[in-house]
Structures are given as C-alpha cells and as structure tokens.
C-alpha cells in the first residue's frame, strides 16, 4: 500500500542516457536501460534528490504521489558515532575518531543532523595512510568525508556545494597529498564554498608521501 510522499520523476524524452544520475544515486533507485534512466524502485528513492543537480538535461524533477514507503538501503547506515573529544591517557590502543557514517563523498547524504554546527574534514583517500596520526590530529572533533578525484573520475564540487548550502558548516579543512592530481580535491572544495554563497573559513593541508605536513594554507572566509 502506497503513501503520498516526494519522489523523483524522470522525463525519458529529455534523458540523454549519460548515466550520471544512476552513478550518483547511493540508494540504487535508478538504473539505465535501453539508453535511458529509469526509477526502478519507488521504495529505494529517499526523496533527497542527489541526482537532480548532476542531470545535464534537466530530465529529473520532484513529484508528490502515492509511492511505496522508503526502504532504507545505504542511507539507513547514515548515523552519528558518539566519540570522546580526547583519548584516555591510559589507552594503549588508539580509538577511532570517526564521528559519522558513511564517509565516502559519493555515499554521504547532502543533509544530515551531524553536519549542523560541524567542523568538516574533506580528505583525499591516501592522506590517512600516509599520515600516521591522522585520527588524532585531523579527524578528532570533525565530520570526515573522503574521496579521490582521480580514481572516482569525479568533480565533487556540486555535491559539496549542496552539503555546505543545506547545513550549518562552521569550518572546512582539506587534507590532501603532495601530488598534482590531488589538487583537484582542494579546487573542488574552494569552488563549493564559493558557489554556496557562504563565508566559511577553510584551510588546506598538504601531506607528503613520507607522512609529513609539507604545506598548510589558510583561505579567506569571504
């Protein structure tokens, strides 16, 4: 039995079959068939519309209609993880400082309670492996998002813009590697803050492959 709720609608005449919406939908509600995007499961659509901004033809919109209740898939895992702000001096095994789940930029929702009032860490995948005290020095007290602009073949700018627009983000820290391709992460964050129209202080920390901080740059909030 259906319920009236907001759900996406795909205009197949406008759809050019690029597949970006299917890649962006972390609930797997959209699939490609016969060169077109299709909403394959009403109950997988969370109604947040992460797919809307990536559609180049404007083929996706919202509608309110009778639909199956949302069945949590990946989105059900989105949650805050309570953490102590400082480790116990008697702890021999370092505690994880991860404050929420999921962490991958493609999977994280654009609106979540843990974003409000948050200091945001946006990190390149490799940075946590190169810098030994990553949890202690970077993640503690922050909400962490990770990604790789090279391996994901993605510009995170639009997704990050929506996160910053829809939530009360206090500050942003970028942790990236000292390699040319990793500059894409820093550029995406800078563009997202600018496009959000908000004055948010942010800084970029560049980590060398041998695990040292090679550079730190504080950017203007305006």
Protein backbone atom coordinates (compact mmCIF):
# COMPACT_ATOMS: atom_id res chain seq x y z
CA UNK A 1 0.00 0.00 0.00
CA UNK A 2 1.44 3.35 -1.04
CA UNK A 3 1.75 6.64 0.77
CA UNK A 4 1.87 10.19 -0.55
CA UNK A 5 5.47 11.37 -0.49
CA UNK A 6 8.06 13.25 -2.53
CA UNK A 7 9.83 11.13 -5.10
CA UNK A 8 11.84 11.75 -8.26
CA UNK A 9 10.34 11.74 -11.74
CA UNK A 10 12.41 11.10 -14.89
CA UNK A 11 11.35 12.60 -18.24
CA UNK A 12 12.60 9.99 -20.71
CA UNK A 13 12.21 12.40 -23.64
CA UNK A 14 14.76 14.74 -22.05
CA UNK A 15 17.09 11.98 -20.82
CA UNK A 16 20.22 11.67 -22.95
CA UNK A 17 21.38 8.44 -21.31
CA UNK A 18 24.54 9.85 -19.76
CA UNK A 19 24.10 7.71 -16.62
CA UNK A 20 25.26 10.35 -14.15
CA UNK A 21 22.06 10.07 -12.10
CA UNK A 22 22.46 6.31 -11.70
CA UNK A 23 26.07 6.77 -10.57
CA UNK A 24 25.08 9.48 -8.08
CA UNK A 25 22.13 7.67 -6.51
CA UNK A 26 23.61 5.94 -3.45
CA UNK A 27 20.31 4.09 -2.90
CA UNK A 28 20.44 2.31 -6.31
CA UNK A 29 16.95 3.56 -7.13
CA UNK A 30 17.94 4.47 -10.71
CA UNK A 31 19.17 2.14 -13.41
CA UNK A 32 19.98 2.50 -17.10
CA UNK A 33 18.05 0.50 -19.69
CA UNK A 34 17.71 0.98 -23.45
CA UNK A 35 19.83 4.13 -23.24
CA UNK A 36 17.57 5.85 -20.71
CA UNK A 37 17.47 6.33 -16.94
CA UNK A 38 14.62 4.65 -15.08
CA UNK A 39 13.38 4.81 -11.50
CA UNK A 40 13.35 1.08 -10.85
CA UNK A 41 12.20 1.01 -7.21
CA UNK A 42 9.96 3.59 -5.54
CA UNK A 43 10.92 2.20 -2.16
CA UNK A 44 14.63 2.84 -2.83
CA UNK A 45 14.14 6.55 -3.60
CA UNK A 46 14.80 8.61 -0.46
CA UNK A 47 13.38 11.81 -1.95
CA UNK A 48 16.55 13.83 -1.26
CA UNK A 49 17.28 14.38 -4.93
CA UNK A 50 21.05 13.91 -5.06
CA UNK A 51 20.51 13.00 -8.71
CA UNK A 52 18.90 16.34 -9.67
CA UNK A 53 21.98 18.59 -9.81
CA UNK A 54 24.05 16.14 -11.89
CA UNK A 55 21.49 15.75 -14.70
CA UNK A 56 22.75 17.85 -17.65
CA UNK A 57 19.38 17.99 -19.45
CA UNK A 58 17.01 18.73 -16.57
CA UNK A 59 15.23 15.41 -17.08
CA UNK A 60 14.77 14.80 -13.35
CA UNK A 61 12.29 16.60 -11.13
CA UNK A 62 10.30 16.00 -7.96
CA UNK A 63 6.67 14.97 -7.74
CA UNK A 64 4.38 14.06 -4.86
CA UNK A 65 2.44 10.88 -5.46
CA UNK A 66 1.47 7.58 -3.96
CA UNK A 67 4.61 5.50 -3.64
CA UNK A 68 5.92 2.63 -1.58
CA UNK A 69 7.39 3.75 1.75
CA UNK A 70 11.10 4.44 1.59
CA UNK A 71 13.05 1.30 2.31
CA UNK A 72 16.40 2.23 3.81
CA UNK A 73 19.33 0.80 1.90
CA UNK A 74 22.70 2.58 2.07
CA UNK A 75 21.01 5.61 3.59
CA UNK A 76 19.98 3.58 6.61
CA UNK A 77 23.63 3.40 7.59
CA UNK A 78 23.92 7.17 7.82
CA UNK A 79 24.41 7.89 11.50
CA UNK A 80 26.41 9.77 14.05
CA UNK A 81 29.02 7.93 16.11
CA UNK A 82 29.49 9.44 19.60
CA UNK A 83 33.15 9.94 20.45
CA UNK A 84 35.08 11.29 23.41
CA UNK A 85 36.85 14.53 22.50
CA UNK A 86 40.15 13.39 23.96
CA UNK A 87 41.71 9.96 24.33
CA UNK A 88 42.29 8.46 27.75
CA UNK A 89 45.96 8.71 28.81
CA UNK A 90 45.80 5.03 29.80
CA UNK A 91 44.62 3.83 26.39
CA UNK A 92 47.23 1.66 24.68
CA UNK A 93 45.18 1.12 21.54
CA UNK A 94 44.22 4.39 19.80
CA UNK A 95 40.47 4.82 19.49
CA UNK A 96 38.90 5.65 16.16
CA UNK A 97 37.93 9.31 15.86
CA UNK A 98 35.35 8.70 13.13
CA UNK A 99 32.25 10.66 14.12
CA UNK A 100 29.73 9.53 11.46
CA UNK A 101 28.95 7.02 8.73
CA UNK A 102 29.18 6.86 5.73
CA UNK A 103 32.33 8.81 4.87
CA UNK A 104 32.68 8.48 1.08
CA UNK A 105 31.59 11.72 -0.62
CA UNK A 106 29.50 9.82 -3.17
CA UNK A 107 27.59 7.97 -0.44
CA UNK A 108 27.08 10.62 2.22
CA UNK A 109 23.66 12.35 2.23
CA UNK A 110 23.59 16.07 1.45
CA UNK A 111 21.58 16.78 4.59
CA UNK A 112 22.22 15.11 7.94
CA UNK A 113 21.98 16.17 11.61
CA UNK A 114 25.69 15.60 12.19
CA UNK A 115 26.55 18.31 9.63
CA UNK A 116 24.89 21.11 11.61
CA UNK A 117 27.48 23.12 13.51
CA UNK A 118 30.21 20.81 12.22
CA UNK A 119 33.86 21.37 11.50
CA UNK A 120 34.23 19.43 8.26
CA UNK A 121 37.28 17.45 7.18
CA UNK A 122 37.44 16.61 3.49
CA UNK A 123 40.30 14.22 2.90
CA UNK A 124 41.92 12.54 -0.06
CA UNK A 125 41.85 8.77 0.40
CA UNK A 126 45.62 8.32 0.62
CA UNK A 127 46.20 11.01 3.24
CA UNK A 128 45.07 8.84 6.15
CA UNK A 129 47.53 6.12 5.15
CA UNK A 130 50.45 8.48 4.72
CA UNK A 131 50.00 10.44 7.95
CA UNK A 132 50.28 8.14 10.96
CA UNK A 133 48.34 10.22 13.49
CA UNK A 134 45.52 11.07 11.10
CA UNK A 135 42.70 10.21 13.52
CA UNK A 136 44.25 12.15 16.38
CA UNK A 137 45.44 15.23 14.50
CA UNK A 138 42.80 15.61 11.80
CA UNK A 139 39.63 13.62 12.44
CA UNK A 140 39.02 14.19 16.15
CA UNK A 141 36.20 16.67 16.64
CA UNK A 142 35.41 16.82 12.91
CA UNK A 143 32.97 15.23 10.49
CA UNK A 144 35.03 13.36 7.90
CA UNK A 145 34.41 12.96 4.17
CA UNK A 146 36.81 11.13 1.87
CA UNK A 147 37.28 10.72 -1.85
CA UNK A 148 39.72 10.64 -4.75
CA UNK A 149 39.14 12.96 -7.68
CA UNK A 150 41.35 10.79 -9.89
CA UNK A 151 40.09 7.28 -9.12
CA UNK A 152 36.45 8.34 -8.83
CA UNK A 153 36.81 10.38 -12.03
CA UNK A 154 34.55 12.93 -10.39
CA UNK A 155 34.28 16.58 -9.62
CA UNK A 156 32.83 16.69 -6.13
CA UNK A 157 32.03 20.39 -6.41
CA UNK A 158 28.27 20.07 -6.87
CA UNK A 159 27.79 17.54 -4.08
CA UNK A 160 29.94 19.54 -1.66
CA UNK A 161 28.14 22.75 -2.61
CA UNK A 162 24.81 21.18 -1.64
CA UNK A 163 26.21 19.93 1.67
CA UNK A 164 27.52 23.39 2.55
CA UNK A 165 24.33 25.12 1.39
CA UNK A 166 21.94 22.88 3.30
CA UNK A 167 23.82 22.63 6.59
CA UNK A 168 25.41 24.95 9.14
CA UNK A 169 29.05 24.12 8.47
CA UNK A 170 31.42 26.07 10.76
CA UNK A 171 34.72 25.40 9.00
CA UNK A 172 36.32 23.15 6.40
CA UNK A 173 39.73 21.51 6.47
CA UNK A 174 41.11 19.80 3.37
CA UNK A 175 43.76 17.11 3.78
CA UNK A 176 45.36 16.06 0.53
CA UNK A 177 48.53 14.50 -0.79
CA UNK A 178 51.51 16.31 -2.29
CA UNK A 179 50.77 15.05 -5.81
CA UNK A 180 49.34 17.04 -8.75
CA UNK A 181 46.12 15.03 -9.15
CA UNK A 182 45.21 15.61 -5.51
CA UNK A 183 44.93 19.35 -6.12
CA UNK A 184 41.52 18.55 -7.63
CA UNK A 185 40.16 17.94 -4.15
CA UNK A 186 41.32 21.33 -2.90
CA UNK A 187 39.94 23.04 -6.01
CA UNK A 188 36.57 21.30 -5.61
CA UNK A 189 36.26 22.45 -2.01
CA UNK A 190 37.21 26.03 -2.86
CA UNK A 191 34.63 26.12 -5.66
CA UNK A 192 31.96 24.55 -3.45
CA UNK A 193 32.40 27.15 -0.71
CA UNK A 194 32.33 29.96 -3.25
CA UNK A 195 29.24 28.58 -5.01
CA UNK A 196 27.43 28.06 -1.72
CA UNK A 197 27.43 31.82 -1.14
CA UNK A 198 28.56 31.31 2.45
CA UNK A 199 31.58 32.84 4.17
CA UNK A 200 33.20 29.77 5.74
CA UNK A 201 36.83 29.69 6.87
CA UNK A 202 38.78 26.84 5.35
CA UNK A 203 42.32 25.59 5.10
CA UNK A 204 44.22 23.07 3.02
CA UNK A 205 46.89 20.80 4.48
CA UNK A 206 49.24 19.08 2.04
CA UNK A 207 50.81 15.80 3.21
CA UNK A 208 53.98 14.42 1.70
CA UNK A 209 54.22 10.72 0.73
CA UNK A 210 56.63 10.15 3.61
CA UNK A 211 53.97 11.29 6.08
CA UNK A 212 54.91 14.87 6.91
CA UNK A 213 52.93 18.09 6.54
CA UNK A 214 54.51 19.76 3.52
CA UNK A 215 52.31 22.84 3.38
CA UNK A 216 49.40 24.47 5.17
CA UNK A 217 47.35 27.28 3.69
CA UNK A 218 44.56 29.24 5.39
CA UNK A 219 41.96 30.61 2.99
CA UNK A 220 39.72 33.62 3.45
CA UNK A 221 36.20 33.12 4.74
CA UNK A 222 34.81 35.63 2.28
